[in-house]
Amino acid sequence: MLSLTIVIPVFNEEHHIKACLESIACQTIAPTEVIVVDNNCTDRTIEIAEKFNFVRVVSEKQQGRGYARTTGFNAVKTDIIGRIDADSRLDSTWVEEVISVFEAREDVTGVTGIGRVSFLPEL
């Protein structure tokens, strides 16, 4: 089976990160790793993230989502990178479905789909 790391760049996301990580904890297939990239948080985001034993926190001092994303990508050692935001909520089969797409088709180099976030109502 292919391996997958989820990368989450964060800057002051204390109101979103817990629910995001809880949705990752409920996956039918756990990701190999979850990397939370601290982009100079001054709130409780990192304190909350560190309560999840599957999270590895890395830091990026240069402010900006692009810098944080790149730092997270550079820390990945798995076959697949899953990149989400702190306000994302993953369906329980998200990791399983992403891996299955890559395993089924060798010509696939990337996938995307509809995202679900905390600040929009369910459709």
PDB file of N, CA and C in Angstrom:
ATOM      1  N   MET A   1       0.835  -1.180   0.000  1.00  0.00           N
ATOM      2  CA  MET A   1       0.000   0.000   0.000  1.00  0.00           C
ATOM      3  C   MET A   1       0.881   1.245   0.000  1.00  0.00           C
ATOM      4  N   LEU A   2       0.459   2.246  -0.740  1.00  0.00           N
ATOM      5  CA  LEU A   2       1.168   3.518  -0.761  1.00  0.00           C
ATOM      6  C   LEU A   2       0.999   4.239   0.581  1.00  0.00           C
ATOM      7  N   SER A   3       1.953   5.097   0.891  1.00  0.00           N
ATOM      8  CA  SER A   3       1.900   5.854   2.150  1.00  0.00           C
ATOM      9  C   SER A   3       1.518   7.301   1.860  1.00  0.00           C
ATOM     10  N   LEU A   4       0.872   7.951   2.838  1.00  0.00           N
ATOM     11  CA  LEU A   4       0.368   9.303   2.651  1.00  0.00           C
ATOM     12  C   LEU A   4       0.606  10.147   3.894  1.00  0.00           C
ATOM     13  N   THR A   5       1.106  11.357   3.694  1.00  0.00           N
ATOM     14  CA  THR A   5       1.260  12.342   4.755  1.00  0.00           C
ATOM     15  C   THR A   5       0.320  13.505   4.470  1.00  0.00           C
ATOM     16  N   ILE A   6      -0.350  13.980   5.503  1.00  0.00           N
ATOM     17  CA  ILE A   6      -1.192  15.168   5.392  1.00  0.00           C
ATOM     18  C   ILE A   6      -0.407  16.353   5.939  1.00  0.00           C
ATOM     19  N   VAL A   7      -0.330  17.438   5.156  1.00  0.00           N
ATOM     20  CA  VAL A   7       0.366  18.660   5.542  1.00  0.00           C
ATOM     21  C   VAL A   7      -0.679  19.757   5.784  1.00  0.00           C
ATOM     22  N   ILE A   8      -0.564  20.408   6.953  1.00  0.00           N
ATOM     23  CA  ILE A   8      -1.501  21.472   7.323  1.00  0.00           C
ATOM     24  C   ILE A   8      -0.717  22.707   7.755  1.00  0.00           C
ATOM     25  N   PRO A   9      -0.574  23.717   6.878  1.00  0.00           N
ATOM     26  CA  PRO A   9       0.062  24.963   7.300  1.00  0.00           C
ATOM     27  C   PRO A   9      -0.896  25.724   8.226  1.00  0.00           C
ATOM     28  N   VAL A  10      -0.375  26.298   9.317  1.00  0.00           N
ATOM     29  CA  VAL A  10      -1.254  26.997  10.262  1.00  0.00           C
ATOM     30  C   VAL A  10      -0.667  28.326  10.711  1.00  0.00           C
ATOM     31  N   PHE A  11      -1.556  29.291  10.864  1.00  0.00           N
ATOM     32  CA  PHE A  11      -1.243  30.561  11.502  1.00  0.00           C
ATOM     33  C   PHE A  11      -2.476  30.965  12.305  1.00  0.00           C
ATOM     34  N   ASN A  12      -2.371  30.827  13.627  1.00  0.00           N
ATOM     35  CA  ASN A  12      -3.443  31.208  14.553  1.00  0.00           C
ATOM     36  C   ASN A  12      -4.788  30.574  14.179  1.00  0.00           C
ATOM     37  N   GLU A  13      -4.816  29.269  14.219  1.00  0.00           N
ATOM     38  CA  GLU A  13      -5.998  28.477  13.851  1.00  0.00           C
ATOM     39  C   GLU A  13      -6.594  27.740  15.047  1.00  0.00           C
ATOM     40  N   GLU A  14      -6.468  28.295  16.247  1.00  0.00           N
ATOM     41  CA  GLU A  14      -6.929  27.579  17.445  1.00  0.00           C
ATOM     42  C   GLU A  14      -8.418  27.246  17.411  1.00  0.00           C
ATOM     43  N   HIS A  15      -9.201  27.981  16.651  1.00  0.00           N
ATOM     44  CA  HIS A  15     -10.642  27.720  16.593  1.00  0.00           C
ATOM     45  C   HIS A  15     -11.007  26.632  15.583  1.00  0.00           C
ATOM     46  N   HIS A  16     -10.038  26.188  14.785  1.00  0.00           N
ATOM     47  CA  HIS A  16     -10.325  25.207  13.732  1.00  0.00           C
ATOM     48  C   HIS A  16      -9.523  23.918  13.850  1.00  0.00           C
ATOM     49  N   ILE A  17      -8.320  23.978  14.376  1.00  0.00           N
ATOM     50  CA  ILE A  17      -7.392  22.844  14.268  1.00  0.00           C
ATOM     51  C   ILE A  17      -7.893  21.582  14.965  1.00  0.00           C
ATOM     52  N   LYS A  18      -8.552  21.704  16.087  1.00  0.00           N
ATOM     53  CA  LYS A  18      -9.010  20.513  16.816  1.00  0.00           C
ATOM     54  C   LYS A  18      -9.986  19.691  15.973  1.00  0.00           C
ATOM     55  N   ALA A  19     -10.997  20.339  15.413  1.00  0.00           N
ATOM     56  CA  ALA A  19     -11.969  19.609  14.599  1.00  0.00           C
ATOM     57  C   ALA A  19     -11.323  19.010  13.351  1.00  0.00           C
ATOM     58  N   CYS A  20     -10.374  19.733  12.778  1.00  0.00           N
ATOM     59  CA  CYS A  20      -9.646  19.218  11.618  1.00  0.00           C
ATOM     60  C   CYS A  20      -8.915  17.926  11.976  1.00  0.00           C
ATOM     61  N   LEU A  21      -8.164  17.973  13.070  1.00  0.00           N
ATOM     62  CA  LEU A  21      -7.394  16.799  13.481  1.00  0.00           C
ATOM     63  C   LEU A  21      -8.297  15.670  13.949  1.00  0.00           C
ATOM     64  N   GLU A  22      -9.433  15.994  14.542  1.00  0.00           N
ATOM     65  CA  GLU A  22     -10.391  14.951  14.918  1.00  0.00           C
ATOM     66  C   GLU A  22     -10.922  14.240  13.682  1.00  0.00           C
ATOM     67  N   SER A  23     -11.129  14.973  12.584  1.00  0.00           N
ATOM     68  CA  SER A  23     -11.590  14.318  11.355  1.00  0.00           C
ATOM     69  C   SER A  23     -10.510  13.400  10.789  1.00  0.00           C
ATOM     70  N   ILE A  24      -9.250  13.747  10.991  1.00  0.00           N
ATOM     71  CA  ILE A  24      -8.152  12.871  10.569  1.00  0.00           C
ATOM     72  C   ILE A  24      -8.083  11.641  11.457  1.00  0.00           C
ATOM     73  N   ALA A  25      -8.322  11.812  12.738  1.00  0.00           N
ATOM     74  CA  ALA A  25      -8.286  10.678  13.675  1.00  0.00           C
ATOM     75  C   ALA A  25      -9.354   9.636  13.361  1.00  0.00           C
ATOM     76  N   CYS A  26     -10.410  10.015  12.655  1.00  0.00           N
ATOM     77  CA  CYS A  26     -11.521   9.110  12.339  1.00  0.00           C
ATOM     78  C   CYS A  26     -11.388   8.429  10.981  1.00  0.00           C
ATOM     79  N   GLN A  27     -10.239   8.516  10.349  1.00  0.00           N
ATOM     80  CA  GLN A  27     -10.055   7.933   9.025  1.00  0.00           C
ATOM     81  C   GLN A  27     -10.130   6.408   9.065  1.00  0.00           C
ATOM     82  N   THR A  28     -10.718   5.809   8.028  1.00  0.00           N
ATOM     83  CA  THR A  28     -10.776   4.347   7.935  1.00  0.00           C
ATOM     84  C   THR A  28      -9.382   3.759   7.739  1.00  0.00           C
ATOM     85  N   ILE A  29      -8.514   4.511   7.078  1.00  0.00           N
ATOM     86  CA  ILE A  29      -7.089   4.170   6.972  1.00  0.00           C
ATOM     87  C   ILE A  29      -6.336   5.400   7.456  1.00  0.00           C
ATOM     88  N   ALA A  30      -5.536   5.227   8.484  1.00  0.00           N
ATOM     89  CA  ALA A  30      -4.798   6.362   9.045  1.00  0.00           C
ATOM     90  C   ALA A  30      -3.701   6.806   8.090  1.00  0.00           C
ATOM     91  N   PRO A  31      -3.481   8.111   7.986  1.00  0.00           N
ATOM     92  CA  PRO A  31      -2.325   8.568   7.207  1.00  0.00           C
ATOM     93  C   PRO A  31      -1.044   8.123   7.895  1.00  0.00           C
ATOM     94  N   THR A  32       0.013   7.981   7.148  1.00  0.00           N
ATOM     95  CA  THR A  32       1.299   7.611   7.725  1.00  0.00           C
ATOM     96  C   THR A  32       1.762   8.676   8.711  1.00  0.00           C
ATOM     97  N   GLU A  33       1.513   9.937   8.353  1.00  0.00           N
ATOM     98  CA  GLU A  33       1.944  11.040   9.207  1.00  0.00           C
ATOM     99  C   GLU A  33       1.063  12.257   8.932  1.00  0.00           C
ATOM    100  N   VAL A  34       0.970  13.117   9.941  1.00  0.00           N
ATOM    101  CA  VAL A  34       0.322  14.414   9.796  1.00  0.00           C
ATOM    102  C   VAL A  34       1.337  15.456  10.240  1.00  0.00           C
ATOM    103  N   ILE A  35       1.640  16.395   9.350  1.00  0.00           N
ATOM    104  CA  ILE A  35       2.590  17.460   9.655  1.00  0.00           C
ATOM    105  C   ILE A  35       1.824  18.773   9.753  1.00  0.00           C
ATOM    106  N   VAL A  36       1.881  19.392  10.922  1.00  0.00           N
ATOM    107  CA  VAL A  36       1.312  20.723  11.129  1.00  0.00           C
ATOM    108  C   VAL A  36       2.481  21.697  11.061  1.00  0.00           C
ATOM    109  N   VAL A  37       2.396  22.661  10.138  1.00  0.00           N
ATOM    110  CA  VAL A  37       3.480  23.622   9.944  1.00  0.00           C
ATOM    111  C   VAL A  37       3.127  24.913  10.685  1.00  0.00           C
ATOM    112  N   ASP A  38       3.863  25.178  11.751  1.00  0.00           N
ATOM    113  CA  ASP A  38       3.675  26.378  12.564  1.00  0.00           C
ATOM    114  C   ASP A  38       4.286  27.570  11.845  1.00  0.00           C
ATOM    115  N   ASN A  39       3.421  28.470  11.367  1.00  0.00           N
ATOM    116  CA  ASN A  39       3.876  29.656  10.654  1.00  0.00           C
ATOM    117  C   ASN A  39       3.757  30.883  11.562  1.00  0.00           C
ATOM    118  N   ASN A  40       4.404  30.758  12.745  1.00  0.00           N
ATOM    119  CA  ASN A  40       4.487  31.837  13.736  1.00  0.00           C
ATOM    120  C   ASN A  40       3.192  32.046  14.520  1.00  0.00           C
ATOM    121  N   CYS A  41       2.546  30.973  14.895  1.00  0.00           N
ATOM    122  CA  CYS A  41       1.314  31.071  15.682  1.00  0.00           C
ATOM    123  C   CYS A  41       1.588  31.761  17.018  1.00  0.00           C
ATOM    124  N   THR A  42       0.650  32.613  17.416  1.00  0.00           N
ATOM    125  CA  THR A  42       0.741  33.289  18.715  1.00  0.00           C
ATOM    126  C   THR A  42      -0.437  32.917  19.612  1.00  0.00           C
ATOM    127  N   ASP A  43      -1.260  31.988  19.148  1.00  0.00           N
ATOM    128  CA  ASP A  43      -2.400  31.531  19.942  1.00  0.00           C
ATOM    129  C   ASP A  43      -2.143  30.086  20.401  1.00  0.00           C
ATOM    130  N   ARG A  44      -3.177  29.330  20.668  1.00  0.00           N
ATOM    131  CA  ARG A  44      -3.042  27.968  21.201  1.00  0.00           C
ATOM    132  C   ARG A  44      -3.034  26.882  20.110  1.00  0.00           C
ATOM    133  N   THR A  45      -2.885  27.251  18.858  1.00  0.00           N
ATOM    134  CA  THR A  45      -2.939  26.269  17.768  1.00  0.00           C
ATOM    135  C   THR A  45      -1.981  25.110  17.985  1.00  0.00           C
ATOM    136  N   ILE A  46      -0.736  25.402  18.261  1.00  0.00           N
ATOM    137  CA  ILE A  46       0.273  24.341  18.387  1.00  0.00           C
ATOM    138  C   ILE A  46       0.048  23.522  19.652  1.00  0.00           C
ATOM    139  N   GLU A  47      -0.340  24.161  20.719  1.00  0.00           N
ATOM    140  CA  GLU A  47      -0.672  23.438  21.961  1.00  0.00           C
ATOM    141  C   GLU A  47      -1.775  22.417  21.703  1.00  0.00           C
ATOM    142  N   ILE A  48      -2.785  22.808  20.962  1.00  0.00           N
ATOM    143  CA  ILE A  48      -3.890  21.897  20.632  1.00  0.00           C
ATOM    144  C   ILE A  48      -3.405  20.788  19.710  1.00  0.00           C
ATOM    145  N   ALA A  49      -2.648  21.126  18.676  1.00  0.00           N
ATOM    146  CA  ALA A  49      -2.165  20.126  17.712  1.00  0.00           C
ATOM    147  C   ALA A  49      -1.300  19.073  18.392  1.00  0.00           C
ATOM    148  N   GLU A  50      -0.476  19.493  19.334  1.00  0.00           N
ATOM    149  CA  GLU A  50       0.437  18.561  20.004  1.00  0.00           C
ATOM    150  C   GLU A  50      -0.278  17.567  20.909  1.00  0.00           C
ATOM    151  N   LYS A  51      -1.556  17.751  21.164  1.00  0.00           N
ATOM    152  CA  LYS A  51      -2.333  16.793  21.955  1.00  0.00           C
ATOM    153  C   LYS A  51      -2.681  15.548  21.140  1.00  0.00           C
ATOM    154  N   PHE A  52      -2.517  15.622  19.845  1.00  0.00           N
ATOM    155  CA  PHE A  52      -2.797  14.483  18.964  1.00  0.00           C
ATOM    156  C   PHE A  52      -1.487  13.748  18.709  1.00  0.00           C
ATOM    157  N   ASN A  53      -1.423  12.485  19.130  1.00  0.00           N
ATOM    158  CA  ASN A  53      -0.152  11.750  19.081  1.00  0.00           C
ATOM    159  C   ASN A  53       0.337  11.450  17.669  1.00  0.00           C
ATOM    160  N   PHE A  54      -0.490  11.632  16.673  1.00  0.00           N
ATOM    161  CA  PHE A  54      -0.076  11.368  15.293  1.00  0.00           C
ATOM    162  C   PHE A  54       0.449  12.618  14.582  1.00  0.00           C
ATOM    163  N   VAL A  55       0.505  13.734  15.280  1.00  0.00           N
ATOM    164  CA  VAL A  55       0.935  14.998  14.673  1.00  0.00           C
ATOM    165  C   VAL A  55       2.413  15.254  14.930  1.00  0.00           C
ATOM    166  N   ARG A  56       3.099  15.690  13.878  1.00  0.00           N
ATOM    167  CA  ARG A  56       4.460  16.214  14.014  1.00  0.00           C
ATOM    168  C   ARG A  56       4.406  17.686  13.637  1.00  0.00           C
ATOM    169  N   VAL A  57       4.912  18.541  14.512  1.00  0.00           N
ATOM    170  CA  VAL A  57       4.926  19.973  14.255  1.00  0.00           C
ATOM    171  C   VAL A  57       6.300  20.363  13.729  1.00  0.00           C
ATOM    172  N   VAL A  58       6.307  21.099  12.627  1.00  0.00           N
ATOM    173  CA  VAL A  58       7.525  21.713  12.108  1.00  0.00           C
ATOM    174  C   VAL A  58       7.280  23.215  12.026  1.00  0.00           C
ATOM    175  N   SER A  59       8.337  24.001  12.065  1.00  0.00           N
ATOM    176  CA  SER A  59       8.204  25.460  12.070  1.00  0.00           C
ATOM    177  C   SER A  59       8.715  26.076  10.782  1.00  0.00           C
ATOM    178  N   GLU A  60       8.047  27.141  10.373  1.00  0.00           N
ATOM    179  CA  GLU A  60       8.493  27.973   9.267  1.00  0.00           C
ATOM    180  C   GLU A  60       8.393  29.425   9.711  1.00  0.00           C
ATOM    181  N   LYS A  61       9.526  30.082   9.862  1.00  0.00           N
ATOM    182  CA  LYS A  61       9.576  31.450  10.366  1.00  0.00           C
ATOM    183  C   LYS A  61       9.205  32.497   9.312  1.00  0.00           C
ATOM    184  N   GLN A  62       9.469  32.199   8.035  1.00  0.00           N
ATOM    185  CA  GLN A  62       9.099  33.140   6.973  1.00  0.00           C
ATOM    186  C   GLN A  62       7.580  33.134   6.853  1.00  0.00           C
ATOM    187  N   GLN A  63       6.957  34.272   7.096  1.00  0.00           N
ATOM    188  CA  GLN A  63       5.498  34.338   7.115  1.00  0.00           C
ATOM    189  C   GLN A  63       4.910  34.171   5.727  1.00  0.00           C
ATOM    190  N   GLY A  64       3.874  33.362   5.639  1.00  0.00           N
ATOM    191  CA  GLY A  64       3.140  33.188   4.387  1.00  0.00           C
ATOM    192  C   GLY A  64       2.800  31.735   4.130  1.00  0.00           C
ATOM    193  N   ARG A  65       1.599  31.526   3.614  1.00  0.00           N
ATOM    194  CA  ARG A  65       1.110  30.170   3.360  1.00  0.00           C
ATOM    195  C   ARG A  65       2.022  29.400   2.413  1.00  0.00           C
ATOM    196  N   GLY A  66       2.545  30.056   1.393  1.00  0.00           N
ATOM    197  CA  GLY A  66       3.433  29.384   0.443  1.00  0.00           C
ATOM    198  C   GLY A  66       4.699  28.867   1.107  1.00  0.00           C
ATOM    199  N   TYR A  67       5.295  29.694   1.956  1.00  0.00           N
ATOM    200  CA  TYR A  67       6.503  29.260   2.678  1.00  0.00           C
ATOM    201  C   TYR A  67       6.183  28.083   3.593  1.00  0.00           C
ATOM    202  N   ALA A  68       5.078  28.192   4.322  1.00  0.00           N
ATOM    203  CA  ALA A  68       4.695  27.118   5.247  1.00  0.00           C
ATOM    204  C   ALA A  68       4.391  25.826   4.495  1.00  0.00           C
ATOM    205  N   ARG A  69       3.680  25.944   3.390  1.00  0.00           N
ATOM    206  CA  ARG A  69       3.350  24.759   2.583  1.00  0.00           C
ATOM    207  C   ARG A  69       4.619  24.084   2.077  1.00  0.00           C
ATOM    208  N   THR A  70       5.554  24.869   1.566  1.00  0.00           N
ATOM    209  CA  THR A  70       6.799  24.312   1.046  1.00  0.00           C
ATOM    210  C   THR A  70       7.593  23.624   2.145  1.00  0.00           C
ATOM    211  N   THR A  71       7.665  24.221   3.311  1.00  0.00           N
ATOM    212  CA  THR A  71       8.363  23.587   4.442  1.00  0.00           C
ATOM    213  C   THR A  71       7.719  22.253   4.778  1.00  0.00           C
ATOM    214  N   GLY A  72       6.399  22.213   4.801  1.00  0.00           N
ATOM    215  CA  GLY A  72       5.695  20.956   5.061  1.00  0.00           C
ATOM    216  C   GLY A  72       5.982  19.923   3.996  1.00  0.00           C
ATOM    217  N   PHE A  73       5.908  20.327   2.731  1.00  0.00           N
ATOM    218  CA  PHE A  73       6.185  19.391   1.635  1.00  0.00           C
ATOM    219  C   PHE A  73       7.602  18.843   1.732  1.00  0.00           C
ATOM    220  N   ASN A  74       8.550  19.688   2.075  1.00  0.00           N
ATOM    221  CA  ASN A  74       9.945  19.248   2.178  1.00  0.00           C
ATOM    222  C   ASN A  74      10.172  18.273   3.329  1.00  0.00           C
ATOM    223  N   ALA A  75       9.288  18.266   4.313  1.00  0.00           N
ATOM    224  CA  ALA A  75       9.420  17.359   5.455  1.00  0.00           C
ATOM    225  C   ALA A  75       8.804  15.989   5.193  1.00  0.00           C
ATOM    226  N   VAL A  76       8.049  15.858   4.115  1.00  0.00           N
ATOM    227  CA  VAL A  76       7.341  14.610   3.803  1.00  0.00           C
ATOM    228  C   VAL A  76       8.307  13.552   3.288  1.00  0.00           C
ATOM    229  N   LYS A  77       8.096  12.326   3.753  1.00  0.00           N
ATOM    230  CA  LYS A  77       8.914  11.196   3.311  1.00  0.00           C
ATOM    231  C   LYS A  77       8.052  10.059   2.738  1.00  0.00           C
ATOM    232  N   THR A  78       6.783  10.323   2.511  1.00  0.00           N
ATOM    233  CA  THR A  78       5.876   9.287   2.022  1.00  0.00           C
ATOM    234  C   THR A  78       5.664   9.409   0.517  1.00  0.00           C
ATOM    235  N   ASP A  79       4.895   8.462  -0.024  1.00  0.00           N
ATOM    236  CA  ASP A  79       4.617   8.432  -1.464  1.00  0.00           C
ATOM    237  C   ASP A  79       3.700   9.571  -1.909  1.00  0.00           C
ATOM    238  N   ILE A  80       2.729   9.914  -1.065  1.00  0.00           N
ATOM    239  CA  ILE A  80       1.692  10.872  -1.430  1.00  0.00           C
ATOM    240  C   ILE A  80       1.653  11.995  -0.396  1.00  0.00           C
ATOM    241  N   ILE A  81       1.449  13.223  -0.880  1.00  0.00           N
ATOM    242  CA  ILE A  81       1.238  14.379  -0.008  1.00  0.00           C
ATOM    243  C   ILE A  81      -0.230  14.779  -0.117  1.00  0.00           C
ATOM    244  N   GLY A  82      -0.897  14.856   1.022  1.00  0.00           N
ATOM    245  CA  GLY A  82      -2.251  15.397   1.094  1.00  0.00           C
ATOM    246  C   GLY A  82      -2.159  16.763   1.750  1.00  0.00           C
ATOM    247  N   ARG A  83      -2.615  17.813   1.090  1.00  0.00           N
ATOM    248  CA  ARG A  83      -2.476  19.172   1.615  1.00  0.00           C
ATOM    249  C   ARG A  83      -3.857  19.732   1.906  1.00  0.00           C
ATOM    250  N   ILE A  84      -4.103  20.059   3.174  1.00  0.00           N
ATOM    251  CA  ILE A  84      -5.395  20.628   3.565  1.00  0.00           C
ATOM    252  C   ILE A  84      -5.152  21.862   4.423  1.00  0.00           C
ATOM    253  N   ASP A  85      -6.227  22.590   4.723  1.00  0.00           N
ATOM    254  CA  ASP A  85      -6.167  23.735   5.616  1.00  0.00           C
ATOM    255  C   ASP A  85      -6.725  23.351   6.976  1.00  0.00           C
ATOM    256  N   ALA A  86      -6.449  24.155   7.975  1.00  0.00           N
ATOM    257  CA  ALA A  86      -6.894  23.877   9.344  1.00  0.00           C
ATOM    258  C   ALA A  86      -8.409  23.896   9.478  1.00  0.00           C
ATOM    259  N   ASP A  87      -9.102  24.582   8.596  1.00  0.00           N
ATOM    260  CA  ASP A  87     -10.560  24.600   8.672  1.00  0.00           C
ATOM    261  C   ASP A  87     -11.201  23.502   7.815  1.00  0.00           C
ATOM    262  N   SER A  88     -10.394  22.589   7.284  1.00  0.00           N
ATOM    263  CA  SER A  88     -10.911  21.449   6.521  1.00  0.00           C
ATOM    264  C   SER A  88     -11.458  20.387   7.457  1.00  0.00           C
ATOM    265  N   ARG A  89     -12.470  19.699   6.984  1.00  0.00           N
ATOM    266  CA  ARG A  89     -13.028  18.549   7.684  1.00  0.00           C
ATOM    267  C   ARG A  89     -13.066  17.405   6.680  1.00  0.00           C
ATOM    268  N   LEU A  90     -12.319  16.333   6.962  1.00  0.00           N
ATOM    269  CA  LEU A  90     -12.221  15.221   6.023  1.00  0.00           C
ATOM    270  C   LEU A  90     -13.296  14.181   6.292  1.00  0.00           C
ATOM    271  N   ASP A  91     -13.921  13.693   5.224  1.00  0.00           N
ATOM    272  CA  ASP A  91     -14.801  12.541   5.369  1.00  0.00           C
ATOM    273  C   ASP A  91     -13.951  11.374   5.847  1.00  0.00           C
ATOM    274  N   SER A  92     -14.552  10.436   6.521  1.00  0.00           N
ATOM    275  CA  SER A  92     -13.793   9.343   7.162  1.00  0.00           C
ATOM    276  C   SER A  92     -13.041   8.460   6.167  1.00  0.00           C
ATOM    277  N   THR A  93     -13.413   8.482   4.912  1.00  0.00           N
ATOM    278  CA  THR A  93     -12.746   7.646   3.906  1.00  0.00           C
ATOM    279  C   THR A  93     -11.771   8.433   3.034  1.00  0.00           C
ATOM    280  N   TRP A  94     -11.459   9.665   3.396  1.00  0.00           N
ATOM    281  CA  TRP A  94     -10.633  10.538   2.564  1.00  0.00           C
ATOM    282  C   TRP A  94      -9.284   9.907   2.241  1.00  0.00           C
ATOM    283  N   VAL A  95      -8.541   9.486   3.254  1.00  0.00           N
ATOM    284  CA  VAL A  95      -7.214   8.894   3.029  1.00  0.00           C
ATOM    285  C   VAL A  95      -7.346   7.628   2.187  1.00  0.00           C
ATOM    286  N   GLU A  96      -8.283   6.788   2.526  1.00  0.00           N
ATOM    287  CA  GLU A  96      -8.507   5.546   1.789  1.00  0.00           C
ATOM    288  C   GLU A  96      -8.785   5.826   0.306  1.00  0.00           C
ATOM    289  N   GLU A  97      -9.620   6.799   0.026  1.00  0.00           N
ATOM    290  CA  GLU A  97      -9.975   7.118  -1.355  1.00  0.00           C
ATOM    291  C   GLU A  97      -8.802   7.711  -2.125  1.00  0.00           C
ATOM    292  N   VAL A  98      -8.034   8.583  -1.497  1.00  0.00           N
ATOM    293  CA  VAL A  98      -6.876   9.170  -2.178  1.00  0.00           C
ATOM    294  C   VAL A  98      -5.868   8.072  -2.529  1.00  0.00           C
ATOM    295  N   ILE A  99      -5.556   7.226  -1.566  1.00  0.00           N
ATOM    296  CA  ILE A  99      -4.602   6.144  -1.827  1.00  0.00           C
ATOM    297  C   ILE A  99      -5.117   5.223  -2.931  1.00  0.00           C
ATOM    298  N   SER A 100      -6.410   4.904  -2.905  1.00  0.00           N
ATOM    299  CA  SER A 100      -6.958   3.977  -3.906  1.00  0.00           C
ATOM    300  C   SER A 100      -6.855   4.545  -5.323  1.00  0.00           C
ATOM    301  N   VAL A 101      -7.010   5.858  -5.479  1.00  0.00           N
ATOM    302  CA  VAL A 101      -6.868   6.466  -6.807  1.00  0.00           C
ATOM    303  C   VAL A 101      -5.443   6.279  -7.325  1.00  0.00           C
ATOM    304  N   PHE A 102      -4.464   6.557  -6.474  1.00  0.00           N
ATOM    305  CA  PHE A 102      -3.061   6.428  -6.895  1.00  0.00           C
ATOM    306  C   PHE A 102      -2.674   4.968  -7.132  1.00  0.00           C
ATOM    307  N   GLU A 103      -3.235   4.054  -6.372  1.00  0.00           N
ATOM    308  CA  GLU A 103      -2.909   2.638  -6.568  1.00  0.00           C
ATOM    309  C   GLU A 103      -3.568   2.080  -7.828  1.00  0.00           C
ATOM    310  N   ALA A 104      -4.723   2.606  -8.182  1.00  0.00           N
ATOM    311  CA  ALA A 104      -5.457   2.095  -9.334  1.00  0.00           C
ATOM    312  C   ALA A 104      -4.884   2.580 -10.663  1.00  0.00           C
ATOM    313  N   ARG A 105      -4.245   3.760 -10.650  1.00  0.00           N
ATOM    314  CA  ARG A 105      -3.787   4.355 -11.905  1.00  0.00           C
ATOM    315  C   ARG A 105      -2.386   4.920 -11.754  1.00  0.00           C
ATOM    316  N   GLU A 106      -1.430   4.285 -12.385  1.00  0.00           N
ATOM    317  CA  GLU A 106      -0.040   4.741 -12.315  1.00  0.00           C
ATOM    318  C   GLU A 106       0.180   6.072 -13.022  1.00  0.00           C
ATOM    319  N   ASP A 107      -0.713   6.457 -13.928  1.00  0.00           N
ATOM    320  CA  ASP A 107      -0.548   7.706 -14.659  1.00  0.00           C
ATOM    321  C   ASP A 107      -1.052   8.932 -13.882  1.00  0.00           C
ATOM    322  N   VAL A 108      -1.686   8.727 -12.745  1.00  0.00           N
ATOM    323  CA  VAL A 108      -2.200   9.839 -11.942  1.00  0.00           C
ATOM    324  C   VAL A 108      -1.062  10.442 -11.129  1.00  0.00           C
ATOM    325  N   THR A 109      -0.928  11.763 -11.217  1.00  0.00           N
ATOM    326  CA  THR A 109       0.103  12.469 -10.449  1.00  0.00           C
ATOM    327  C   THR A 109      -0.486  13.424  -9.425  1.00  0.00           C
ATOM    328  N   GLY A 110      -1.790  13.613  -9.470  1.00  0.00           N
ATOM    329  CA  GLY A 110      -2.444  14.493  -8.508  1.00  0.00           C
ATOM    330  C   GLY A 110      -3.944  14.340  -8.585  1.00  0.00           C
ATOM    331  N   VAL A 111      -4.616  14.585  -7.462  1.00  0.00           N
ATOM    332  CA  VAL A 111      -6.079  14.551  -7.418  1.00  0.00           C
ATOM    333  C   VAL A 111      -6.564  15.736  -6.595  1.00  0.00           C
ATOM    334  N   THR A 112      -7.778  16.141  -6.866  1.00  0.00           N
ATOM    335  CA  THR A 112      -8.419  17.194  -6.090  1.00  0.00           C
ATOM    336  C   THR A 112      -9.903  16.882  -6.031  1.00  0.00           C
ATOM    337  N   GLY A 113     -10.587  17.605  -5.201  1.00  0.00           N
ATOM    338  CA  GLY A 113     -12.016  17.369  -5.086  1.00  0.00           C
ATOM    339  C   GLY A 113     -12.680  18.499  -4.317  1.00  0.00           C
ATOM    340  N   ILE A 114     -13.949  18.327  -4.073  1.00  0.00           N
ATOM    341  CA  ILE A 114     -14.723  19.297  -3.315  1.00  0.00           C
ATOM    342  C   ILE A 114     -14.246  19.266  -1.867  1.00  0.00           C
ATOM    343  N   GLY A 115     -14.016  20.441  -1.315  1.00  0.00           N
ATOM    344  CA  GLY A 115     -13.599  20.530   0.080  1.00  0.00           C
ATOM    345  C   GLY A 115     -14.759  20.914   0.977  1.00  0.00           C
ATOM    346  N   ARG A 116     -14.685  20.495   2.212  1.00  0.00           N
ATOM    347  CA  ARG A 116     -15.689  20.856   3.204  1.00  0.00           C
ATOM    348  C   ARG A 116     -14.968  21.619   4.295  1.00  0.00           C
ATOM    349  N   VAL A 117     -15.450  22.794   4.610  1.00  0.00           N
ATOM    350  CA  VAL A 117     -14.817  23.631   5.625  1.00  0.00           C
ATOM    351  C   VAL A 117     -15.803  23.962   6.733  1.00  0.00           C
ATOM    352  N   SER A 118     -15.267  24.445   7.839  1.00  0.00           N
ATOM    353  CA  SER A 118     -16.087  24.665   9.029  1.00  0.00           C
ATOM    354  C   SER A 118     -17.013  25.861   8.940  1.00  0.00           C
ATOM    355  N   PHE A 119     -16.717  26.821   8.083  1.00  0.00           N
ATOM    356  CA  PHE A 119     -17.486  28.064   8.093  1.00  0.00           C
ATOM    357  C   PHE A 119     -18.611  28.123   7.069  1.00  0.00           C
ATOM    358  N   LEU A 120     -18.813  27.047   6.301  1.00  0.00           N
ATOM    359  CA  LEU A 120     -19.930  26.992   5.363  1.00  0.00           C
ATOM    360  C   LEU A 120     -20.914  25.917   5.817  1.00  0.00           C
ATOM    361  N   PRO A 121     -22.205  26.145   5.627  1.00  0.00           N
ATOM    362  CA  PRO A 121     -23.186  25.146   6.047  1.00  0.00           C
ATOM    363  C   PRO A 121     -23.093  23.900   5.185  1.00  0.00           C
ATOM    364  N   GLU A 122     -23.560  22.787   5.741  1.00  0.00           N
ATOM    365  CA  GLU A 122     -23.631  21.540   4.980  1.00  0.00           C
ATOM    366  C   GLU A 122     -24.572  21.725   3.797  1.00  0.00           C
ATOM    367  N   LEU A 123     -24.223  21.176   2.668  1.00  0.00           N
ATOM    368  CA  LEU A 123     -25.077  21.271   1.476  1.00  0.00           C
ATOM    369  C   LEU A 123     -25.830  19.993   1.258  1.00  0.00           C
TER     370      LEU A 123
END
